[in-house]
């Protein structure tokens, strides 16, 4: 399971862009189902919102916005 907020943010961005490998999808799924709040967070993300963010901001800002809703347990 990803323990780094940056890694989770990268996986979420790849998921929304349909750029994930099978291994990456498995890692994201593991994170999503490891905590109820993670699952709710993923349910509330919409591709439309992220695509709009992607067009308006640089990659670092996108990560910051995704990270704002991510909980990572160590």
PDB file of N, CA and C in Angstrom:
ATOM      1  N   UNK A   1       0.843  -1.178   0.000  1.00  0.00           N
ATOM      2  CA  UNK A   1       0.000   0.000   0.000  1.00  0.00           C
ATOM      3  C   UNK A   1       0.889   1.243   0.000  1.00  0.00           C
ATOM      4  N   UNK A   2       0.549   2.232  -0.825  1.00  0.00           N
ATOM      5  CA  UNK A   2       1.351   3.454  -0.849  1.00  0.00           C
ATOM      6  C   UNK A   2       1.295   4.166   0.499  1.00  0.00           C
ATOM      7  N   UNK A   3       2.446   4.587   0.984  1.00  0.00           N
ATOM      8  CA  UNK A   3       2.507   5.289   2.259  1.00  0.00           C
ATOM      9  C   UNK A   3       2.871   6.755   2.068  1.00  0.00           C
ATOM     10  N   UNK A   4       3.191   7.133   0.860  1.00  0.00           N
ATOM     11  CA  UNK A   4       3.583   8.497   0.552  1.00  0.00           C
ATOM     12  C   UNK A   4       2.404   9.243  -0.073  1.00  0.00           C
ATOM     13  N   UNK A   5       2.141  10.435   0.442  1.00  0.00           N
ATOM     14  CA  UNK A   5       1.063  11.245  -0.120  1.00  0.00           C
ATOM     15  C   UNK A   5       1.343  11.554  -1.585  1.00  0.00           C
ATOM     16  N   UNK A   6       2.605  11.845  -1.917  1.00  0.00           N
ATOM     17  CA  UNK A   6       2.951  12.127  -3.317  1.00  0.00           C
ATOM     18  C   UNK A   6       2.656  10.941  -4.210  1.00  0.00           C
ATOM     19  N   UNK A   7       2.969   9.737  -3.741  1.00  0.00           N
ATOM     20  CA  UNK A   7       2.716   8.541  -4.544  1.00  0.00           C
ATOM     21  C   UNK A   7       1.217   8.339  -4.747  1.00  0.00           C
ATOM     22  N   UNK A   8       0.436   8.518  -3.689  1.00  0.00           N
ATOM     23  CA  UNK A   8      -1.010   8.375  -3.808  1.00  0.00           C
ATOM     24  C   UNK A   8      -1.559   9.410  -4.789  1.00  0.00           C
ATOM     25  N   UNK A   9      -1.087  10.641  -4.679  1.00  0.00           N
ATOM     26  CA  UNK A   9      -1.548  11.700  -5.588  1.00  0.00           C
ATOM     27  C   UNK A   9      -1.214  11.349  -7.037  1.00  0.00           C
ATOM     28  N   UNK A  10      -0.013  10.826  -7.268  1.00  0.00           N
ATOM     29  CA  UNK A  10       0.376  10.425  -8.624  1.00  0.00           C
ATOM     30  C   UNK A  10      -0.527   9.308  -9.139  1.00  0.00           C
ATOM     31  N   UNK A  11      -0.827   8.346  -8.270  1.00  0.00           N
ATOM     32  CA  UNK A  11      -1.689   7.234  -8.685  1.00  0.00           C
ATOM     33  C   UNK A  11      -3.094   7.727  -9.006  1.00  0.00           C
ATOM     34  N   UNK A  12      -3.615   8.640  -8.196  1.00  0.00           N
ATOM     35  CA  UNK A  12      -4.958   9.180  -8.447  1.00  0.00           C
ATOM     36  C   UNK A  12      -4.983   9.931  -9.774  1.00  0.00           C
ATOM     37  N   UNK A  13      -3.973  10.733 -10.023  1.00  0.00           N
ATOM     38  CA  UNK A  13      -3.916  11.479 -11.282  1.00  0.00           C
ATOM     39  C   UNK A  13      -3.840  10.523 -12.474  1.00  0.00           C
ATOM     40  N   UNK A  14      -3.028   9.475 -12.371  1.00  0.00           N
ATOM     41  CA  UNK A  14      -2.949   8.479 -13.448  1.00  0.00           C
ATOM     42  C   UNK A  14      -4.287   7.776 -13.630  1.00  0.00           C
ATOM     43  N   UNK A  15      -4.965   7.479 -12.520  1.00  0.00           N
ATOM     44  CA  UNK A  15      -6.278   6.840 -12.584  1.00  0.00           C
ATOM     45  C   UNK A  15      -7.266   7.717 -13.351  1.00  0.00           C
ATOM     46  N   UNK A  16      -7.295   8.997 -13.017  1.00  0.00           N
ATOM     47  CA  UNK A  16      -8.229   9.912 -13.664  1.00  0.00           C
ATOM     48  C   UNK A  16      -7.904  10.137 -15.133  1.00  0.00           C
ATOM     49  N   UNK A  17      -6.649   9.951 -15.496  1.00  0.00           N
ATOM     50  CA  UNK A  17      -6.231  10.106 -16.899  1.00  0.00           C
ATOM     51  C   UNK A  17      -6.248   8.778 -17.658  1.00  0.00           C
ATOM     52  N   UNK A  18      -6.660   7.702 -16.984  1.00  0.00           N
ATOM     53  CA  UNK A  18      -6.664   6.361 -17.581  1.00  0.00           C
ATOM     54  C   UNK A  18      -5.285   5.950 -18.072  1.00  0.00           C
ATOM     55  N   UNK A  19      -4.263   6.218 -17.250  1.00  0.00           N
ATOM     56  CA  UNK A  19      -2.877   5.909 -17.606  1.00  0.00           C
ATOM     57  C   UNK A  19      -2.250   4.894 -16.653  1.00  0.00           C
ATOM     58  N   UNK A  20      -3.062   4.129 -15.924  1.00  0.00           N
ATOM     59  CA  UNK A  20      -2.533   3.226 -14.900  1.00  0.00           C
ATOM     60  C   UNK A  20      -2.189   1.852 -15.461  1.00  0.00           C
ATOM     61  N   UNK A  21      -1.109   1.299 -14.923  1.00  0.00           N
ATOM     62  CA  UNK A  21      -0.800  -0.104 -15.193  1.00  0.00           C
ATOM     63  C   UNK A  21      -1.619  -0.949 -14.214  1.00  0.00           C
ATOM     64  N   UNK A  22      -1.653  -2.228 -14.428  1.00  0.00           N
ATOM     65  CA  UNK A  22      -2.364  -3.124 -13.524  1.00  0.00           C
ATOM     66  C   UNK A  22      -1.808  -3.071 -12.110  1.00  0.00           C
ATOM     67  N   UNK A  23      -0.497  -2.990 -12.003  1.00  0.00           N
ATOM     68  CA  UNK A  23       0.156  -2.926 -10.692  1.00  0.00           C
ATOM     69  C   UNK A  23      -0.204  -1.621  -9.966  1.00  0.00           C
ATOM     70  N   UNK A  24      -0.210  -0.532 -10.709  1.00  0.00           N
ATOM     71  CA  UNK A  24      -0.569   0.758 -10.106  1.00  0.00           C
ATOM     72  C   UNK A  24      -2.023   0.752  -9.640  1.00  0.00           C
ATOM     73  N   UNK A  25      -2.907   0.161 -10.438  1.00  0.00           N
ATOM     74  CA  UNK A  25      -4.322   0.065 -10.070  1.00  0.00           C
ATOM     75  C   UNK A  25      -4.475  -0.741  -8.790  1.00  0.00           C
ATOM     76  N   UNK A  26      -3.741  -1.837  -8.667  1.00  0.00           N
ATOM     77  CA  UNK A  26      -3.796  -2.668  -7.464  1.00  0.00           C
ATOM     78  C   UNK A  26      -3.322  -1.891  -6.244  1.00  0.00           C
ATOM     79  N   UNK A  27      -2.264  -1.099  -6.412  1.00  0.00           N
ATOM     80  CA  UNK A  27      -1.744  -0.297  -5.292  1.00  0.00           C
ATOM     81  C   UNK A  27      -2.751   0.767  -4.871  1.00  0.00           C
ATOM     82  N   UNK A  28      -3.381   1.419  -5.844  1.00  0.00           N
ATOM     83  CA  UNK A  28      -4.382   2.431  -5.519  1.00  0.00           C
ATOM     84  C   UNK A  28      -5.587   1.782  -4.836  1.00  0.00           C
ATOM     85  N   UNK A  29      -6.045   0.661  -5.359  1.00  0.00           N
ATOM     86  CA  UNK A  29      -7.173  -0.050  -4.745  1.00  0.00           C
ATOM     87  C   UNK A  29      -6.865  -0.421  -3.300  1.00  0.00           C
ATOM     88  N   UNK A  30      -5.651  -0.857  -3.058  1.00  0.00           N
ATOM     89  CA  UNK A  30      -5.243  -1.223  -1.705  1.00  0.00           C
ATOM     90  C   UNK A  30      -5.354  -0.010  -0.778  1.00  0.00           C
ATOM     91  N   UNK A  31      -4.906   1.147  -1.246  1.00  0.00           N
ATOM     92  CA  UNK A  31      -5.004   2.367  -0.455  1.00  0.00           C
ATOM     93  C   UNK A  31      -6.466   2.755  -0.258  1.00  0.00           C
ATOM     94  N   UNK A  32      -7.264   2.715  -1.324  1.00  0.00           N
ATOM     95  CA  UNK A  32      -8.668   3.120  -1.262  1.00  0.00           C
ATOM     96  C   UNK A  32      -9.428   2.296  -0.231  1.00  0.00           C
ATOM     97  N   UNK A  33      -9.221   0.992  -0.233  1.00  0.00           N
ATOM     98  CA  UNK A  33     -10.002   0.120   0.635  1.00  0.00           C
ATOM     99  C   UNK A  33      -9.369  -0.090   2.007  1.00  0.00           C
ATOM    100  N   UNK A  34      -8.243   0.575   2.272  1.00  0.00           N
ATOM    101  CA  UNK A  34      -7.596   0.434   3.577  1.00  0.00           C
ATOM    102  C   UNK A  34      -8.240   1.332   4.632  1.00  0.00           C
ATOM    103  N   UNK A  35      -9.023   2.312   4.193  1.00  0.00           N
ATOM    104  CA  UNK A  35      -9.609   3.272   5.129  1.00  0.00           C
ATOM    105  C   UNK A  35     -10.909   3.805   4.529  1.00  0.00           C
ATOM    106  N   UNK A  36     -11.940   3.876   5.335  1.00  0.00           N
ATOM    107  CA  UNK A  36     -13.246   4.340   4.861  1.00  0.00           C
ATOM    108  C   UNK A  36     -13.156   5.754   4.271  1.00  0.00           C
ATOM    109  N   UNK A  37     -12.365   6.619   4.898  1.00  0.00           N
ATOM    110  CA  UNK A  37     -12.234   7.989   4.396  1.00  0.00           C
ATOM    111  C   UNK A  37     -11.559   8.030   3.029  1.00  0.00           C
ATOM    112  N   UNK A  38     -10.593   7.136   2.793  1.00  0.00           N
ATOM    113  CA  UNK A  38      -9.961   7.062   1.477  1.00  0.00           C
ATOM    114  C   UNK A  38     -10.995   6.674   0.423  1.00  0.00           C
ATOM    115  N   UNK A  39     -11.836   5.716   0.779  1.00  0.00           N
ATOM    116  CA  UNK A  39     -12.872   5.238  -0.149  1.00  0.00           C
ATOM    117  C   UNK A  39     -13.851   6.364  -0.471  1.00  0.00           C
ATOM    118  N   UNK A  40     -14.274   7.091   0.542  1.00  0.00           N
ATOM    119  CA  UNK A  40     -15.195   8.210   0.336  1.00  0.00           C
ATOM    120  C   UNK A  40     -14.531   9.294  -0.515  1.00  0.00           C
ATOM    121  N   UNK A  41     -13.268   9.569  -0.237  1.00  0.00           N
ATOM    122  CA  UNK A  41     -12.530  10.569  -1.011  1.00  0.00           C
ATOM    123  C   UNK A  41     -12.535  10.208  -2.494  1.00  0.00           C
ATOM    124  N   UNK A  42     -12.230   8.947  -2.807  1.00  0.00           N
ATOM    125  CA  UNK A  42     -12.195   8.526  -4.211  1.00  0.00           C
ATOM    126  C   UNK A  42     -13.577   8.580  -4.844  1.00  0.00           C
ATOM    127  N   UNK A  43     -14.607   8.276  -4.080  1.00  0.00           N
ATOM    128  CA  UNK A  43     -15.962   8.341  -4.624  1.00  0.00           C
ATOM    129  C   UNK A  43     -16.349   9.773  -4.967  1.00  0.00           C
ATOM    130  N   UNK A  44     -15.809  10.726  -4.214  1.00  0.00           N
ATOM    131  CA  UNK A  44     -16.191  12.122  -4.407  1.00  0.00           C
ATOM    132  C   UNK A  44     -15.365  12.850  -5.465  1.00  0.00           C
ATOM    133  N   UNK A  45     -14.296  12.228  -5.908  1.00  0.00           N
ATOM    134  CA  UNK A  45     -13.482  12.850  -6.954  1.00  0.00           C
ATOM    135  C   UNK A  45     -14.190  12.653  -8.292  1.00  0.00           C
ATOM    136  N   UNK A  46     -14.253  13.703  -9.051  1.00  0.00           N
ATOM    137  CA  UNK A  46     -14.824  13.557 -10.388  1.00  0.00           C
ATOM    138  C   UNK A  46     -13.754  13.885 -11.419  1.00  0.00           C
ATOM    139  N   UNK A  47     -13.740  13.152 -12.479  1.00  0.00           N
ATOM    140  CA  UNK A  47     -12.790  13.400 -13.562  1.00  0.00           C
ATOM    141  C   UNK A  47     -12.928  14.817 -14.096  1.00  0.00           C
ATOM    142  N   UNK A  48     -14.148  15.291 -14.146  1.00  0.00           N
ATOM    143  CA  UNK A  48     -14.395  16.637 -14.670  1.00  0.00           C
ATOM    144  C   UNK A  48     -13.667  17.686 -13.839  1.00  0.00           C
ATOM    145  N   UNK A  49     -13.748  17.575 -12.515  1.00  0.00           N
ATOM    146  CA  UNK A  49     -13.062  18.522 -11.628  1.00  0.00           C
ATOM    147  C   UNK A  49     -11.560  18.476 -11.843  1.00  0.00           C
ATOM    148  N   UNK A  50     -11.003  17.282 -11.852  1.00  0.00           N
ATOM    149  CA  UNK A  50      -9.559  17.125 -11.976  1.00  0.00           C
ATOM    150  C   UNK A  50      -9.093  17.589 -13.352  1.00  0.00           C
ATOM    151  N   UNK A  51      -9.848  17.299 -14.399  1.00  0.00           N
ATOM    152  CA  UNK A  51      -9.459  17.739 -15.743  1.00  0.00           C
ATOM    153  C   UNK A  51      -9.432  19.258 -15.804  1.00  0.00           C
ATOM    154  N   UNK A  52     -10.396  19.895 -15.161  1.00  0.00           N
ATOM    155  CA  UNK A  52     -10.418  21.354 -15.118  1.00  0.00           C
ATOM    156  C   UNK A  52      -9.190  21.863 -14.370  1.00  0.00           C
ATOM    157  N   UNK A  53      -8.872  21.223 -13.248  1.00  0.00           N
ATOM    158  CA  UNK A  53      -7.676  21.606 -12.492  1.00  0.00           C
ATOM    159  C   UNK A  53      -6.436  21.399 -13.352  1.00  0.00           C
ATOM    160  N   UNK A  54      -6.382  20.265 -14.056  1.00  0.00           N
ATOM    161  CA  UNK A  54      -5.228  19.924 -14.891  1.00  0.00           C
ATOM    162  C   UNK A  54      -5.003  20.981 -15.969  1.00  0.00           C
ATOM    163  N   UNK A  55      -6.064  21.523 -16.515  1.00  0.00           N
ATOM    164  CA  UNK A  55      -5.931  22.533 -17.561  1.00  0.00           C
ATOM    165  C   UNK A  55      -5.498  23.884 -17.000  1.00  0.00           C
ATOM    166  N   UNK A  56      -5.888  24.156 -15.754  1.00  0.00           N
ATOM    167  CA  UNK A  56      -5.655  25.478 -15.175  1.00  0.00           C
ATOM    168  C   UNK A  56      -4.390  25.604 -14.338  1.00  0.00           C
ATOM    169  N   UNK A  57      -3.820  24.483 -13.898  1.00  0.00           N
ATOM    170  CA  UNK A  57      -2.705  24.538 -12.963  1.00  0.00           C
ATOM    171  C   UNK A  57      -1.575  23.625 -13.395  1.00  0.00           C
ATOM    172  N   UNK A  58      -0.405  23.871 -12.827  1.00  0.00           N
ATOM    173  CA  UNK A  58       0.719  22.990 -13.090  1.00  0.00           C
ATOM    174  C   UNK A  58       0.609  21.728 -12.235  1.00  0.00           C
ATOM    175  N   UNK A  59       1.434  20.750 -12.520  1.00  0.00           N
ATOM    176  CA  UNK A  59       1.348  19.450 -11.864  1.00  0.00           C
ATOM    177  C   UNK A  59       1.533  19.550 -10.347  1.00  0.00           C
ATOM    178  N   UNK A  60       2.407  20.425  -9.884  1.00  0.00           N
ATOM    179  CA  UNK A  60       2.637  20.566  -8.443  1.00  0.00           C
ATOM    180  C   UNK A  60       1.362  21.034  -7.737  1.00  0.00           C
ATOM    181  N   UNK A  61       0.658  21.967  -8.339  1.00  0.00           N
ATOM    182  CA  UNK A  61      -0.580  22.470  -7.756  1.00  0.00           C
ATOM    183  C   UNK A  61      -1.642  21.382  -7.746  1.00  0.00           C
ATOM    184  N   UNK A  62      -1.708  20.579  -8.807  1.00  0.00           N
ATOM    185  CA  UNK A  62      -2.659  19.469  -8.849  1.00  0.00           C
ATOM    186  C   UNK A  62      -2.391  18.523  -7.693  1.00  0.00           C
ATOM    187  N   UNK A  63      -1.118  18.161  -7.478  1.00  0.00           N
ATOM    188  CA  UNK A  63      -0.767  17.277  -6.376  1.00  0.00           C
ATOM    189  C   UNK A  63      -1.196  17.871  -5.047  1.00  0.00           C
ATOM    190  N   UNK A  64      -0.973  19.158  -4.864  1.00  0.00           N
ATOM    191  CA  UNK A  64      -1.354  19.815  -3.607  1.00  0.00           C
ATOM    192  C   UNK A  64      -2.860  19.719  -3.382  1.00  0.00           C
ATOM    193  N   UNK A  65      -3.641  19.918  -4.425  1.00  0.00           N
ATOM    194  CA  UNK A  65      -5.093  19.840  -4.294  1.00  0.00           C
ATOM    195  C   UNK A  65      -5.544  18.417  -3.974  1.00  0.00           C
ATOM    196  N   UNK A  66      -4.969  17.419  -4.620  1.00  0.00           N
ATOM    197  CA  UNK A  66      -5.313  16.027  -4.334  1.00  0.00           C
ATOM    198  C   UNK A  66      -4.864  15.673  -2.921  1.00  0.00           C
ATOM    199  N   UNK A  67      -3.650  16.082  -2.558  1.00  0.00           N
ATOM    200  CA  UNK A  67      -3.118  15.761  -1.249  1.00  0.00           C
ATOM    201  C   UNK A  67      -3.971  16.335  -0.124  1.00  0.00           C
ATOM    202  N   UNK A  68      -4.636  17.424  -0.382  1.00  0.00           N
ATOM    203  CA  UNK A  68      -5.480  18.034   0.632  1.00  0.00           C
ATOM    204  C   UNK A  68      -6.568  17.101   1.122  1.00  0.00           C
ATOM    205  N   UNK A  69      -6.937  16.129   0.319  1.00  0.00           N
ATOM    206  CA  UNK A  69      -7.975  15.191   0.720  1.00  0.00           C
ATOM    207  C   UNK A  69      -7.484  13.800   0.999  1.00  0.00           C
ATOM    208  N   UNK A  70      -6.174  13.598   1.011  1.00  0.00           N
ATOM    209  CA  UNK A  70      -5.606  12.260   1.178  1.00  0.00           C
ATOM    210  C   UNK A  70      -5.144  12.045   2.611  1.00  0.00           C
ATOM    211  N   UNK A  71      -5.480  10.878   3.143  1.00  0.00           N
ATOM    212  CA  UNK A  71      -4.957  10.434   4.424  1.00  0.00           C
ATOM    213  C   UNK A  71      -4.082   9.226   4.189  1.00  0.00           C
ATOM    214  N   UNK A  72      -2.868   9.281   4.663  1.00  0.00           N
ATOM    215  CA  UNK A  72      -1.962   8.159   4.519  1.00  0.00           C
ATOM    216  C   UNK A  72      -1.550   7.707   5.905  1.00  0.00           C
ATOM    217  N   UNK A  73      -1.778   6.426   6.192  1.00  0.00           N
ATOM    218  CA  UNK A  73      -1.357   5.883   7.483  1.00  0.00           C
ATOM    219  C   UNK A  73       0.015   5.251   7.335  1.00  0.00           C
ATOM    220  N   UNK A  74       0.831   5.444   8.318  1.00  0.00           N
ATOM    221  CA  UNK A  74       2.192   4.906   8.273  1.00  0.00           C
ATOM    222  C   UNK A  74       2.295   3.694   9.143  1.00  0.00           C
TER     223      UNK A  74
END
